[in-house]
Amino acid sequence: MTHQTRWQQRPESSTWGDFGPDDQLGRLNLLTAAKVREGVAEVQSGETFCLSLPLDLPGGTAMNPRRPPPQLNATRRGEHPNMTYPLSRDDARLSDVICDDSVTLALQYSTQWDSLAHMGQWFDVQGNGRPEMVFYNGYRAGVDIIGETDFRGGCGCGQGSHLGARALGIENMAHHGIQGRAVMIDIKKHFGIERFAFGYRHLQQIIAEDKIVIRPGDMVCFRTGMDEAIFEMAGNPDAEYLSSHFAGLDGSDAELRQWVIDSGVVALIADNPAVEILPARPLNEDFYPSHPLHDLCLFRLGVYLGELWHLSELADWLAAHQRHAFLLTAPPLRLPGAVGSPATPIATV
């Protein structure tokens, strides 16, 4: 299906078609070789920081009942588990002891990337008064992103290997590569850990006080301090405490939305589970997205979202050294058809 048949009109403030009629990368097109060099130029000491939580955190399902924690299992060697398995069982002459395992993992359980297939909207792409379930650049539910059930009114619309994202999957992000200049917005340092909707005026206050420069093609990290609390809870998250503390971006703030549009940033990253604060203020009184920042970023602009990152150790180091920019290397899994992925990002300073 070509651009001409996918859509005749695009959403307001979108980049649909700007990077080509069949583009699947969105703003990732702005993460060029020159931007990689800008990121490399920020490296001074060569120190590195792991920006991933352990992937078994936050722990349990208190923070999201639909995403269970990972389960490690040994692969099988016949009827035996292939973990600390001595090959001498099979041949007394062999000295090897083998460990081999598998994992069942919700791809967005812990530190993660959202792909552009993670969230779409009902939108009238043909201009005929009939909204359709579509994703970035007009890719369609049931055609390009396929689930077990066709919620538009049909029966099952995909089976077996056909399920998943035929377009906009996380493998596009992985193939392009995620490495470049990133900057830290340290909300905790300036505002503490109270829960509030972080808007444009808060952002501009931090930018001015910390003398931060954000350029098109940058990735922007927002440290709230939630990652530290998750670590301290050691796999038993206190959902009530976490939901009553820590900032989230105000996806309904018109000025903040305009800044995301105008800034040319490639990704917004936070140490909380959604980047934006939820529940959000409705954008209107009629028909509106539950996640207005996801709508703006994933659906309209092709801006990627990173959630539940471990940012505090890096943020404290940057503040102590009066810096804000660093080289970020953060590839997702190259897993065709997936709509999200765990990540083990590395910051190099």
C-alpha atoms as a PDB file:
ATOM      1  CA  MET A   1       0.000   0.000   0.000  1.00  0.00           C
ATOM      2  CA  THR A   2       1.537   3.309  -1.102  1.00  0.00           C
ATOM      3  CA  HIS A   3       1.330   6.728   0.489  1.00  0.00           C
ATOM      4  CA  GLN A   4      -1.330   7.780  -2.011  1.00  0.00           C
ATOM      5  CA  THR A   5      -3.638   4.964  -0.935  1.00  0.00           C
ATOM      6  CA  ARG A   6      -2.707   5.054   2.774  1.00  0.00           C
ATOM      7  CA  TRP A   7      -3.678   8.665   3.350  1.00  0.00           C
ATOM      8  CA  GLN A   8      -5.010  11.753   1.641  1.00  0.00           C
ATOM      9  CA  GLN A   9      -4.773  14.074   4.622  1.00  0.00           C
ATOM     10  CA  ARG A  10      -2.417  14.009   7.559  1.00  0.00           C
ATOM     11  CA  PRO A  11      -2.900  15.062  11.176  1.00  0.00           C
ATOM     12  CA  GLU A  12      -2.148  18.602  12.259  1.00  0.00           C
ATOM     13  CA  SER A  13       1.481  19.196  13.291  1.00  0.00           C
ATOM     14  CA  SER A  14       2.637  15.879  11.849  1.00  0.00           C
ATOM     15  CA  THR A  15       5.689  14.921   9.797  1.00  0.00           C
ATOM     16  CA  TRP A  16       3.827  12.365   7.691  1.00  0.00           C
ATOM     17  CA  GLY A  17       5.429  12.300   4.253  1.00  0.00           C
ATOM     18  CA  ASP A  18       8.186  14.762   5.152  1.00  0.00           C
ATOM     19  CA  PHE A  19      10.834  12.030   5.022  1.00  0.00           C
ATOM     20  CA  GLY A  20       9.335  10.195   2.050  1.00  0.00           C
ATOM     21  CA  PRO A  21       5.932   8.699   1.274  1.00  0.00           C
ATOM     22  CA  ASP A  22       6.723   5.302   2.812  1.00  0.00           C
ATOM     23  CA  ASP A  23       9.002   6.432   5.640  1.00  0.00           C
ATOM     24  CA  GLN A  24       9.075   4.256   8.771  1.00  0.00           C
ATOM     25  CA  LEU A  25      11.703   6.158  10.789  1.00  0.00           C
ATOM     26  CA  GLY A  26      10.123   9.543  11.504  1.00  0.00           C
ATOM     27  CA  ARG A  27      12.437  11.982  13.289  1.00  0.00           C
ATOM     28  CA  LEU A  28      15.088   9.272  13.460  1.00  0.00           C
ATOM     29  CA  ASN A  29      15.975  10.534   9.976  1.00  0.00           C
ATOM     30  CA  LEU A  30      17.481  13.545  11.768  1.00  0.00           C
ATOM     31  CA  LEU A  31      19.930  11.321  13.666  1.00  0.00           C
ATOM     32  CA  THR A  32      22.549  11.575  10.949  1.00  0.00           C
ATOM     33  CA  ALA A  33      26.268  10.838  10.779  1.00  0.00           C
ATOM     34  CA  ALA A  34      26.862  14.492  11.667  1.00  0.00           C
ATOM     35  CA  LYS A  35      24.744  14.052  14.818  1.00  0.00           C
ATOM     36  CA  VAL A  36      26.773  10.994  15.775  1.00  0.00           C
ATOM     37  CA  ARG A  37      29.917  13.099  15.474  1.00  0.00           C
ATOM     38  CA  GLU A  38      28.289  15.766  17.670  1.00  0.00           C
ATOM     39  CA  GLY A  39      27.679  13.111  20.286  1.00  0.00           C
ATOM     40  CA  VAL A  40      31.229  11.815  20.064  1.00  0.00           C
ATOM     41  CA  ALA A  41      32.489  15.403  20.483  1.00  0.00           C
ATOM     42  CA  GLU A  42      30.797  15.500  23.915  1.00  0.00           C
ATOM     43  CA  VAL A  43      33.055  12.710  25.203  1.00  0.00           C
ATOM     44  CA  GLN A  44      35.767  14.133  27.458  1.00  0.00           C
ATOM     45  CA  SER A  45      36.691  11.630  30.164  1.00  0.00           C
ATOM     46  CA  GLY A  46      35.596   8.407  28.471  1.00  0.00           C
ATOM     47  CA  GLU A  47      33.634   7.282  31.544  1.00  0.00           C
ATOM     48  CA  THR A  48      30.494   5.247  30.874  1.00  0.00           C
ATOM     49  CA  PHE A  49      27.152   4.891  32.641  1.00  0.00           C
ATOM     50  CA  CYS A  50      24.649   2.075  32.198  1.00  0.00           C
ATOM     51  CA  LEU A  51      21.219   3.646  31.810  1.00  0.00           C
ATOM     52  CA  SER A  52      19.204   0.442  32.164  1.00  0.00           C
ATOM     53  CA  LEU A  53      17.458  -0.811  35.230  1.00  0.00           C
ATOM     54  CA  PRO A  54      17.934  -4.515  35.893  1.00  0.00           C
ATOM     55  CA  LEU A  55      15.290  -5.969  33.583  1.00  0.00           C
ATOM     56  CA  ASP A  56      13.505  -7.704  36.475  1.00  0.00           C
ATOM     57  CA  LEU A  57      12.649  -4.288  37.931  1.00  0.00           C
ATOM     58  CA  PRO A  58      10.293  -2.720  38.884  1.00  0.00           C
ATOM     59  CA  GLY A  59       9.167  -6.218  39.991  1.00  0.00           C
ATOM     60  CA  GLY A  60       5.764  -7.876  40.044  1.00  0.00           C
ATOM     61  CA  THR A  61       2.810  -6.410  38.164  1.00  0.00           C
ATOM     62  CA  ALA A  62       1.815  -3.578  40.512  1.00  0.00           C
ATOM     63  CA  MET A  63       2.894  -0.915  38.018  1.00  0.00           C
ATOM     64  CA  ASN A  64       1.303  -2.600  34.994  1.00  0.00           C
ATOM     65  CA  PRO A  65      -0.923  -5.693  35.347  1.00  0.00           C
ATOM     66  CA  ARG A  66      -0.519  -6.524  31.633  1.00  0.00           C
ATOM     67  CA  ARG A  67       3.275  -6.800  31.781  1.00  0.00           C
ATOM     68  CA  PRO A  68       4.633  -9.661  33.906  1.00  0.00           C
ATOM     69  CA  PRO A  69       8.270  -9.743  34.996  1.00  0.00           C
ATOM     70  CA  PRO A  70      10.737 -11.815  32.971  1.00  0.00           C
ATOM     71  CA  GLN A  71      11.061 -15.534  33.595  1.00  0.00           C
ATOM     72  CA  LEU A  72      14.393 -17.251  33.001  1.00  0.00           C
ATOM     73  CA  ASN A  73      14.371 -20.925  32.150  1.00  0.00           C
ATOM     74  CA  ALA A  74      16.989 -23.420  31.112  1.00  0.00           C
ATOM     75  CA  THR A  75      16.853 -24.735  27.585  1.00  0.00           C
ATOM     76  CA  ARG A  76      16.378 -28.488  27.388  1.00  0.00           C
ATOM     77  CA  ARG A  77      18.871 -31.198  26.544  1.00  0.00           C
ATOM     78  CA  GLY A  78      16.466 -34.025  25.964  1.00  0.00           C
ATOM     79  CA  GLU A  79      14.619 -34.483  29.244  1.00  0.00           C
ATOM     80  CA  HIS A  80      17.232 -32.583  31.260  1.00  0.00           C
ATOM     81  CA  PRO A  81      17.600 -28.833  31.910  1.00  0.00           C
ATOM     82  CA  ASN A  82      20.590 -27.470  30.051  1.00  0.00           C
ATOM     83  CA  MET A  83      21.935 -25.556  33.065  1.00  0.00           C
ATOM     84  CA  THR A  84      25.151 -26.598  34.828  1.00  0.00           C
ATOM     85  CA  TYR A  85      24.912 -29.678  32.669  1.00  0.00           C
ATOM     86  CA  PRO A  86      28.138 -31.748  32.599  1.00  0.00           C
ATOM     87  CA  LEU A  87      28.820 -33.166  29.162  1.00  0.00           C
ATOM     88  CA  SER A  88      30.525 -36.049  30.956  1.00  0.00           C
ATOM     89  CA  ARG A  89      26.986 -37.430  31.390  1.00  0.00           C
ATOM     90  CA  ASP A  90      26.999 -38.071  27.653  1.00  0.00           C
ATOM     91  CA  ASP A  91      30.680 -38.851  27.175  1.00  0.00           C
ATOM     92  CA  ALA A  92      32.981 -39.469  30.135  1.00  0.00           C
ATOM     93  CA  ARG A  93      35.896 -38.019  28.156  1.00  0.00           C
ATOM     94  CA  LEU A  94      34.315 -34.526  27.991  1.00  0.00           C
ATOM     95  CA  SER A  95      35.111 -31.938  30.667  1.00  0.00           C
ATOM     96  CA  ASP A  96      32.672 -29.165  29.670  1.00  0.00           C
ATOM     97  CA  VAL A  97      29.861 -27.908  31.903  1.00  0.00           C
ATOM     98  CA  ILE A  98      27.143 -26.152  29.887  1.00  0.00           C
ATOM     99  CA  CYS A  99      24.721 -23.340  30.828  1.00  0.00           C
ATOM    100  CA  ASP A 100      22.109 -22.239  28.295  1.00  0.00           C
ATOM    101  CA  ASP A 101      18.878 -20.408  29.002  1.00  0.00           C
ATOM    102  CA  SER A 102      15.822 -18.709  27.531  1.00  0.00           C
ATOM    103  CA  VAL A 103      13.598 -15.891  28.728  1.00  0.00           C
ATOM    104  CA  THR A 104       9.930 -15.038  28.558  1.00  0.00           C
ATOM    105  CA  LEU A 105       9.888 -11.255  28.605  1.00  0.00           C
ATOM    106  CA  ALA A 106       7.302  -8.523  28.180  1.00  0.00           C
ATOM    107  CA  LEU A 107       9.286  -6.267  25.854  1.00  0.00           C
ATOM    108  CA  GLN A 108       8.172  -3.101  27.645  1.00  0.00           C
ATOM    109  CA  TYR A 109       8.397  -4.344  31.221  1.00  0.00           C
ATOM    110  CA  SER A 110      11.481  -2.399  32.301  1.00  0.00           C
ATOM    111  CA  THR A 111      13.918  -0.018  30.554  1.00  0.00           C
ATOM    112  CA  GLN A 112      12.474   0.215  27.059  1.00  0.00           C
ATOM    113  CA  TRP A 113      11.937   1.945  23.754  1.00  0.00           C
ATOM    114  CA  ASP A 114       8.493   2.523  22.209  1.00  0.00           C
ATOM    115  CA  SER A 115       8.454   2.000  18.468  1.00  0.00           C
ATOM    116  CA  LEU A 116       6.221   4.077  16.202  1.00  0.00           C
ATOM    117  CA  ALA A 117       3.879   1.069  16.070  1.00  0.00           C
ATOM    118  CA  HIS A 118       3.257   1.227  19.817  1.00  0.00           C
ATOM    119  CA  MET A 119       0.354   3.656  19.698  1.00  0.00           C
ATOM    120  CA  GLY A 120      -1.915   4.895  16.913  1.00  0.00           C
ATOM    121  CA  GLN A 121      -5.173   6.829  16.737  1.00  0.00           C
ATOM    122  CA  TRP A 122      -8.550   6.922  15.057  1.00  0.00           C
ATOM    123  CA  PHE A 123      -8.061   9.451  12.258  1.00  0.00           C
ATOM    124  CA  ASP A 124      -9.838  10.339   8.987  1.00  0.00           C
ATOM    125  CA  VAL A 125      -6.874   9.653   6.678  1.00  0.00           C
ATOM    126  CA  GLN A 126      -8.979   9.666   3.491  1.00  0.00           C
ATOM    127  CA  GLY A 127     -10.879  12.856   4.282  1.00  0.00           C
ATOM    128  CA  ASN A 128     -14.201  11.102   3.750  1.00  0.00           C
ATOM    129  CA  GLY A 129     -15.577  11.566   7.237  1.00  0.00           C
ATOM    130  CA  ARG A 130     -14.806   7.985   8.275  1.00  0.00           C
ATOM    131  CA  PRO A 131     -11.963   7.727  10.831  1.00  0.00           C
ATOM    132  CA  GLU A 132      -9.740   4.662  10.636  1.00  0.00           C
ATOM    133  CA  MET A 133      -7.327   3.017  13.081  1.00  0.00           C
ATOM    134  CA  VAL A 134      -3.959   4.216  11.830  1.00  0.00           C
ATOM    135  CA  PHE A 135      -0.381   4.762  12.961  1.00  0.00           C
ATOM    136  CA  TYR A 136       2.489   7.060  11.973  1.00  0.00           C
ATOM    137  CA  ASN A 137       2.539   7.958   8.256  1.00  0.00           C
ATOM    138  CA  GLY A 138      -0.859   6.367   7.759  1.00  0.00           C
ATOM    139  CA  TYR A 139       0.100   2.744   8.311  1.00  0.00           C
ATOM    140  CA  ARG A 140      -3.061   0.824   9.095  1.00  0.00           C
ATOM    141  CA  ALA A 141      -4.292  -1.476  11.809  1.00  0.00           C
ATOM    142  CA  GLY A 142      -5.199  -4.849  10.334  1.00  0.00           C
ATOM    143  CA  VAL A 143      -2.986  -4.287   7.303  1.00  0.00           C
ATOM    144  CA  ASP A 144       0.403  -3.062   8.505  1.00  0.00           C
ATOM    145  CA  ILE A 145       0.105  -3.637  12.265  1.00  0.00           C
ATOM    146  CA  ILE A 146      -1.826  -6.829  12.908  1.00  0.00           C
ATOM    147  CA  GLY A 147      -3.307  -8.181  16.118  1.00  0.00           C
ATOM    148  CA  GLU A 148      -5.091 -11.392  17.014  1.00  0.00           C
ATOM    149  CA  THR A 149      -8.473  -9.671  16.817  1.00  0.00           C
ATOM    150  CA  ASP A 150      -9.777  -7.130  14.335  1.00  0.00           C
ATOM    151  CA  PHE A 151     -11.362  -4.668  16.747  1.00  0.00           C
ATOM    152  CA  ARG A 152     -12.895  -2.750  13.857  1.00  0.00           C
ATOM    153  CA  GLY A 153     -15.637  -5.379  13.824  1.00  0.00           C
ATOM    154  CA  GLY A 154     -14.200  -8.386  12.042  1.00  0.00           C
ATOM    155  CA  CYS A 155     -12.900 -11.681  13.309  1.00  0.00           C
ATOM    156  CA  GLY A 156      -9.239 -12.576  13.811  1.00  0.00           C
ATOM    157  CA  CYS A 157      -7.191 -10.632  11.263  1.00  0.00           C
ATOM    158  CA  GLY A 158      -3.855 -12.320  11.654  1.00  0.00           C
ATOM    159  CA  GLN A 159      -2.379 -15.636  12.584  1.00  0.00           C
ATOM    160  CA  GLY A 160       1.029 -16.976  13.514  1.00  0.00           C
ATOM    161  CA  SER A 161       3.908 -15.196  11.817  1.00  0.00           C
ATOM    162  CA  HIS A 162       1.541 -12.562  10.404  1.00  0.00           C
ATOM    163  CA  LEU A 163       0.944 -11.025  13.820  1.00  0.00           C
ATOM    164  CA  GLY A 164       2.831  -7.886  14.769  1.00  0.00           C
ATOM    165  CA  ALA A 165       4.152  -4.821  13.012  1.00  0.00           C
ATOM    166  CA  ARG A 166       4.755  -5.368   9.318  1.00  0.00           C
ATOM    167  CA  ALA A 167       5.576  -1.660   9.229  1.00  0.00           C
ATOM    168  CA  LEU A 168       7.021   0.646  11.908  1.00  0.00           C
ATOM    169  CA  GLY A 169       8.415  -2.276  13.932  1.00  0.00           C
ATOM    170  CA  ILE A 170      11.318  -1.824  16.328  1.00  0.00           C
ATOM    171  CA  GLU A 171      13.716  -3.458  13.847  1.00  0.00           C
ATOM    172  CA  ASN A 172      13.678  -0.259  11.767  1.00  0.00           C
ATOM    173  CA  MET A 173      15.001   1.683  14.738  1.00  0.00           C
ATOM    174  CA  ALA A 174      17.634  -0.975  15.423  1.00  0.00           C
ATOM    175  CA  HIS A 175      18.817  -1.124  11.818  1.00  0.00           C
ATOM    176  CA  HIS A 176      19.234   2.638  11.635  1.00  0.00           C
ATOM    177  CA  GLY A 177      21.235   2.703  14.876  1.00  0.00           C
ATOM    178  CA  ILE A 178      20.659   4.806  17.982  1.00  0.00           C
ATOM    179  CA  GLN A 179      23.770   6.774  18.789  1.00  0.00           C
ATOM    180  CA  GLY A 180      24.204  10.506  19.045  1.00  0.00           C
ATOM    181  CA  ARG A 181      24.108  13.615  21.181  1.00  0.00           C
ATOM    182  CA  ALA A 182      21.829  13.580  24.215  1.00  0.00           C
ATOM    183  CA  VAL A 183      21.106  16.112  26.947  1.00  0.00           C
ATOM    184  CA  MET A 184      19.908  15.794  30.528  1.00  0.00           C
ATOM    185  CA  ILE A 185      17.016  17.774  32.005  1.00  0.00           C
ATOM    186  CA  ASP A 186      17.337  17.201  35.767  1.00  0.00           C
ATOM    187  CA  ILE A 187      13.856  17.749  37.164  1.00  0.00           C
ATOM    188  CA  LYS A 188      14.720  16.319  40.578  1.00  0.00           C
ATOM    189  CA  LYS A 189      17.636  18.742  41.057  1.00  0.00           C
ATOM    190  CA  HIS A 190      15.427  21.751  40.409  1.00  0.00           C
ATOM    191  CA  PHE A 191      11.998  20.697  41.703  1.00  0.00           C
ATOM    192  CA  GLY A 192      12.476  17.694  43.981  1.00  0.00           C
ATOM    193  CA  ILE A 193      10.362  14.543  43.778  1.00  0.00           C
ATOM    194  CA  GLU A 194       6.870  15.990  44.134  1.00  0.00           C
ATOM    195  CA  ARG A 195       4.323  14.789  41.610  1.00  0.00           C
ATOM    196  CA  PHE A 196       3.389  17.500  39.118  1.00  0.00           C
ATOM    197  CA  ALA A 197       2.788  18.053  35.436  1.00  0.00           C
ATOM    198  CA  PHE A 198       6.079  19.287  34.011  1.00  0.00           C
ATOM    199  CA  GLY A 199       5.345  21.910  31.386  1.00  0.00           C
ATOM    200  CA  TYR A 200       7.072  24.337  29.069  1.00  0.00           C
ATOM    201  CA  ARG A 201       7.784  26.975  31.727  1.00  0.00           C
ATOM    202  CA  HIS A 202       9.491  24.382  33.923  1.00  0.00           C
ATOM    203  CA  LEU A 203      11.562  23.206  30.978  1.00  0.00           C
ATOM    204  CA  GLN A 204      12.654  26.719  30.097  1.00  0.00           C
ATOM    205  CA  GLN A 205      13.603  27.424  33.725  1.00  0.00           C
ATOM    206  CA  ILE A 206      15.960  24.422  33.789  1.00  0.00           C
ATOM    207  CA  ILE A 207      17.378  25.220  30.347  1.00  0.00           C
ATOM    208  CA  ALA A 208      18.172  28.769  31.464  1.00  0.00           C
ATOM    209  CA  GLU A 209      19.595  27.879  34.878  1.00  0.00           C
ATOM    210  CA  ASP A 210      21.742  24.995  33.601  1.00  0.00           C
ATOM    211  CA  LYS A 211      22.679  26.759  30.343  1.00  0.00           C
ATOM    212  CA  ILE A 212      21.480  23.802  28.294  1.00  0.00           C
ATOM    213  CA  VAL A 213      21.658  23.824  24.509  1.00  0.00           C
ATOM    214  CA  ILE A 214      19.248  21.511  22.679  1.00  0.00           C
ATOM    215  CA  ARG A 215      19.754  21.030  18.940  1.00  0.00           C
ATOM    216  CA  PRO A 216      17.705  19.361  16.206  1.00  0.00           C
ATOM    217  CA  GLY A 217      18.498  15.649  16.142  1.00  0.00           C
ATOM    218  CA  ASP A 218      19.220  15.482  19.886  1.00  0.00           C
ATOM    219  CA  MET A 219      17.755  12.983  22.347  1.00  0.00           C
ATOM    220  CA  VAL A 220      16.456  14.559  25.552  1.00  0.00           C
ATOM    221  CA  CYS A 221      16.458  12.783  28.938  1.00  0.00           C
ATOM    222  CA  PHE A 222      14.234  13.801  31.866  1.00  0.00           C
ATOM    223  CA  ARG A 223      15.405  12.697  35.328  1.00  0.00           C
ATOM    224  CA  THR A 224      12.637  12.689  37.938  1.00  0.00           C
ATOM    225  CA  GLY A 225      14.234  10.393  40.539  1.00  0.00           C
ATOM    226  CA  MET A 226      11.726   7.556  40.148  1.00  0.00           C
ATOM    227  CA  ASP A 227      14.495   5.177  39.088  1.00  0.00           C
ATOM    228  CA  GLU A 228      16.161   5.583  42.498  1.00  0.00           C
ATOM    229  CA  ALA A 229      12.892   4.754  44.271  1.00  0.00           C
ATOM    230  CA  ILE A 230      12.391   1.672  42.105  1.00  0.00           C
ATOM    231  CA  PHE A 231      15.895   0.481  42.973  1.00  0.00           C
ATOM    232  CA  GLU A 232      15.269   1.006  46.698  1.00  0.00           C
ATOM    233  CA  MET A 233      12.026  -0.980  46.534  1.00  0.00           C
ATOM    234  CA  ALA A 234      14.088  -3.992  45.415  1.00  0.00           C
ATOM    235  CA  GLY A 235      11.479  -5.734  43.312  1.00  0.00           C
ATOM    236  CA  ASN A 236       8.473  -4.932  45.534  1.00  0.00           C
ATOM    237  CA  PRO A 237       7.231  -1.622  44.126  1.00  0.00           C
ATOM    238  CA  ASP A 238       4.959   0.536  46.222  1.00  0.00           C
ATOM    239  CA  ALA A 239       2.602   1.597  43.454  1.00  0.00           C
ATOM    240  CA  GLU A 240       0.777   4.090  45.679  1.00  0.00           C
ATOM    241  CA  TYR A 241       4.020   5.881  46.564  1.00  0.00           C
ATOM    242  CA  LEU A 242       5.299   5.871  42.989  1.00  0.00           C
ATOM    243  CA  SER A 243       2.012   7.209  41.636  1.00  0.00           C
ATOM    244  CA  SER A 244       1.893  10.033  44.189  1.00  0.00           C
ATOM    245  CA  HIS A 245       5.465  11.268  43.640  1.00  0.00           C
ATOM    246  CA  PHE A 246       7.686  12.271  40.720  1.00  0.00           C
ATOM    247  CA  ALA A 247       7.009  14.516  37.774  1.00  0.00           C
ATOM    248  CA  GLY A 248       5.807  13.594  34.320  1.00  0.00           C
ATOM    249  CA  LEU A 249       5.702  15.700  31.185  1.00  0.00           C
ATOM    250  CA  ASP A 250       2.453  17.579  30.619  1.00  0.00           C
ATOM    251  CA  GLY A 251       1.433  16.225  27.226  1.00  0.00           C
ATOM    252  CA  SER A 252      -1.549  18.602  27.171  1.00  0.00           C
ATOM    253  CA  ASP A 253       0.570  21.752  27.603  1.00  0.00           C
ATOM    254  CA  ALA A 254       0.216  23.574  24.275  1.00  0.00           C
ATOM    255  CA  GLU A 255       3.558  25.364  24.673  1.00  0.00           C
ATOM    256  CA  LEU A 256       5.413  22.165  25.526  1.00  0.00           C
ATOM    257  CA  ARG A 257       3.820  20.424  22.550  1.00  0.00           C
ATOM    258  CA  GLN A 258       4.919  23.282  20.305  1.00  0.00           C
ATOM    259  CA  TRP A 259       8.453  23.015  21.683  1.00  0.00           C
ATOM    260  CA  VAL A 260       8.573  19.307  20.777  1.00  0.00           C
ATOM    261  CA  ILE A 261       7.370  20.215  17.278  1.00  0.00           C
ATOM    262  CA  ASP A 262       9.822  23.082  16.779  1.00  0.00           C
ATOM    263  CA  SER A 263      12.896  21.615  18.490  1.00  0.00           C
ATOM    264  CA  GLY A 264      13.514  18.782  16.054  1.00  0.00           C
ATOM    265  CA  VAL A 265      14.344  16.365  18.886  1.00  0.00           C
ATOM    266  CA  VAL A 266      14.481  12.682  17.967  1.00  0.00           C
ATOM    267  CA  ALA A 267      13.520  11.114  21.295  1.00  0.00           C
ATOM    268  CA  LEU A 268      12.139  11.961  24.735  1.00  0.00           C
ATOM    269  CA  ILE A 269      13.403   9.694  27.522  1.00  0.00           C
ATOM    270  CA  ALA A 270      12.459   9.506  31.200  1.00  0.00           C
ATOM    271  CA  ASP A 271      12.979   7.368  34.289  1.00  0.00           C
ATOM    272  CA  ASN A 272       9.217   7.029  34.784  1.00  0.00           C
ATOM    273  CA  PRO A 273       6.869   4.520  33.092  1.00  0.00           C
ATOM    274  CA  ALA A 274       5.277   6.778  30.460  1.00  0.00           C
ATOM    275  CA  VAL A 275       7.417   9.952  30.079  1.00  0.00           C
ATOM    276  CA  GLU A 276       4.167  11.919  30.418  1.00  0.00           C
ATOM    277  CA  ILE A 277       2.002  12.291  33.518  1.00  0.00           C
ATOM    278  CA  LEU A 278      -1.122  10.142  33.586  1.00  0.00           C
ATOM    279  CA  PRO A 279      -4.028  10.500  33.701  1.00  0.00           C
ATOM    280  CA  ALA A 280      -3.607  13.477  31.400  1.00  0.00           C
ATOM    281  CA  ARG A 281      -5.791  16.526  30.963  1.00  0.00           C
ATOM    282  CA  PRO A 282      -8.062  16.004  27.938  1.00  0.00           C
ATOM    283  CA  LEU A 283      -7.015  18.006  24.891  1.00  0.00           C
ATOM    284  CA  ASN A 284     -10.668  18.785  24.126  1.00  0.00           C
ATOM    285  CA  GLU A 285     -14.173  17.828  25.206  1.00  0.00           C
ATOM    286  CA  ASP A 286     -14.979  15.605  22.239  1.00  0.00           C
ATOM    287  CA  PHE A 287     -12.670  12.737  21.173  1.00  0.00           C
ATOM    288  CA  TYR A 288      -9.160  12.824  22.547  1.00  0.00           C
ATOM    289  CA  PRO A 289      -6.080  10.655  23.198  1.00  0.00           C
ATOM    290  CA  SER A 290      -5.569   9.201  26.668  1.00  0.00           C
ATOM    291  CA  HIS A 291      -1.809   9.726  26.185  1.00  0.00           C
ATOM    292  CA  PRO A 292      -1.488  13.144  24.511  1.00  0.00           C
ATOM    293  CA  LEU A 293       2.323  13.094  24.426  1.00  0.00           C
ATOM    294  CA  HIS A 294       2.320   9.604  22.878  1.00  0.00           C
ATOM    295  CA  ASP A 295      -0.158  10.938  20.317  1.00  0.00           C
ATOM    296  CA  LEU A 296       2.082  13.880  19.460  1.00  0.00           C
ATOM    297  CA  CYS A 297       5.351  11.961  19.433  1.00  0.00           C
ATOM    298  CA  LEU A 298       4.625   8.471  18.150  1.00  0.00           C
ATOM    299  CA  PHE A 299       1.581   9.122  15.985  1.00  0.00           C
ATOM    300  CA  ARG A 300       2.184  12.598  14.574  1.00  0.00           C
ATOM    301  CA  LEU A 301       5.893  13.446  14.668  1.00  0.00           C
ATOM    302  CA  GLY A 302       7.706  10.117  14.678  1.00  0.00           C
ATOM    303  CA  VAL A 303       9.527  11.032  17.915  1.00  0.00           C
ATOM    304  CA  TYR A 304      10.555   8.013  19.972  1.00  0.00           C
ATOM    305  CA  LEU A 305       9.843   7.532  23.678  1.00  0.00           C
ATOM    306  CA  GLY A 306      12.160   5.811  26.154  1.00  0.00           C
ATOM    307  CA  GLU A 307      10.652   4.795  29.483  1.00  0.00           C
ATOM    308  CA  LEU A 308      11.896   3.551  32.869  1.00  0.00           C
ATOM    309  CA  TRP A 309      15.520   4.428  32.163  1.00  0.00           C
ATOM    310  CA  HIS A 310      18.104   4.591  34.937  1.00  0.00           C
ATOM    311  CA  LEU A 311      19.147   8.256  34.717  1.00  0.00           C
ATOM    312  CA  SER A 312      19.956   9.393  38.253  1.00  0.00           C
ATOM    313  CA  GLU A 313      23.580   8.281  38.540  1.00  0.00           C
ATOM    314  CA  LEU A 314      24.423   9.982  35.243  1.00  0.00           C
ATOM    315  CA  ALA A 315      22.401  13.097  36.139  1.00  0.00           C
ATOM    316  CA  ASP A 316      24.267  13.500  39.431  1.00  0.00           C
ATOM    317  CA  TRP A 317      27.623  13.115  37.680  1.00  0.00           C
ATOM    318  CA  LEU A 318      26.705  15.687  35.032  1.00  0.00           C
ATOM    319  CA  ALA A 319      25.541  18.164  37.679  1.00  0.00           C
ATOM    320  CA  ALA A 320      28.749  17.710  39.675  1.00  0.00           C
ATOM    321  CA  HIS A 321      30.798  18.416  36.545  1.00  0.00           C
ATOM    322  CA  GLN A 322      28.570  21.280  35.315  1.00  0.00           C
ATOM    323  CA  ARG A 323      27.732  19.460  32.115  1.00  0.00           C
ATOM    324  CA  HIS A 324      24.495  18.483  30.436  1.00  0.00           C
ATOM    325  CA  ALA A 325      25.380  16.768  27.137  1.00  0.00           C
ATOM    326  CA  PHE A 326      26.819  13.310  26.449  1.00  0.00           C
ATOM    327  CA  LEU A 327      27.120  10.567  23.859  1.00  0.00           C
ATOM    328  CA  LEU A 328      24.169   8.173  24.034  1.00  0.00           C
ATOM    329  CA  THR A 329      24.301   4.693  22.517  1.00  0.00           C
ATOM    330  CA  ALA A 330      20.968   2.895  22.919  1.00  0.00           C
ATOM    331  CA  PRO A 331      20.054   0.253  20.338  1.00  0.00           C
ATOM    332  CA  PRO A 332      16.864  -1.768  20.817  1.00  0.00           C
ATOM    333  CA  LEU A 333      16.623  -5.445  19.966  1.00  0.00           C
ATOM    334  CA  ARG A 334      16.511  -6.095  16.227  1.00  0.00           C
ATOM    335  CA  LEU A 335      13.345  -8.138  16.600  1.00  0.00           C
ATOM    336  CA  PRO A 336      11.183  -7.960  13.461  1.00  0.00           C
ATOM    337  CA  GLY A 337       7.547  -7.133  14.113  1.00  0.00           C
ATOM    338  CA  ALA A 338       7.960  -6.019  17.728  1.00  0.00           C
ATOM    339  CA  VAL A 339       6.321  -2.763  18.825  1.00  0.00           C
ATOM    340  CA  GLY A 340       8.711  -2.129  21.715  1.00  0.00           C
ATOM    341  CA  SER A 341      12.011  -3.358  23.035  1.00  0.00           C
ATOM    342  CA  PRO A 342      14.163  -3.527  26.144  1.00  0.00           C
ATOM    343  CA  ALA A 343      17.374  -1.568  25.910  1.00  0.00           C
ATOM    344  CA  THR A 344      20.690  -1.374  27.713  1.00  0.00           C
ATOM    345  CA  PRO A 345      21.659   2.232  26.920  1.00  0.00           C
ATOM    346  CA  ILE A 346      25.182   3.484  27.560  1.00  0.00           C
ATOM    347  CA  ALA A 347      26.065   7.127  28.205  1.00  0.00           C
ATOM    348  CA  THR A 348      29.673   8.093  27.512  1.00  0.00           C
ATOM    349  CA  VAL A 349      30.930  11.325  29.038  1.00  0.00           C
END
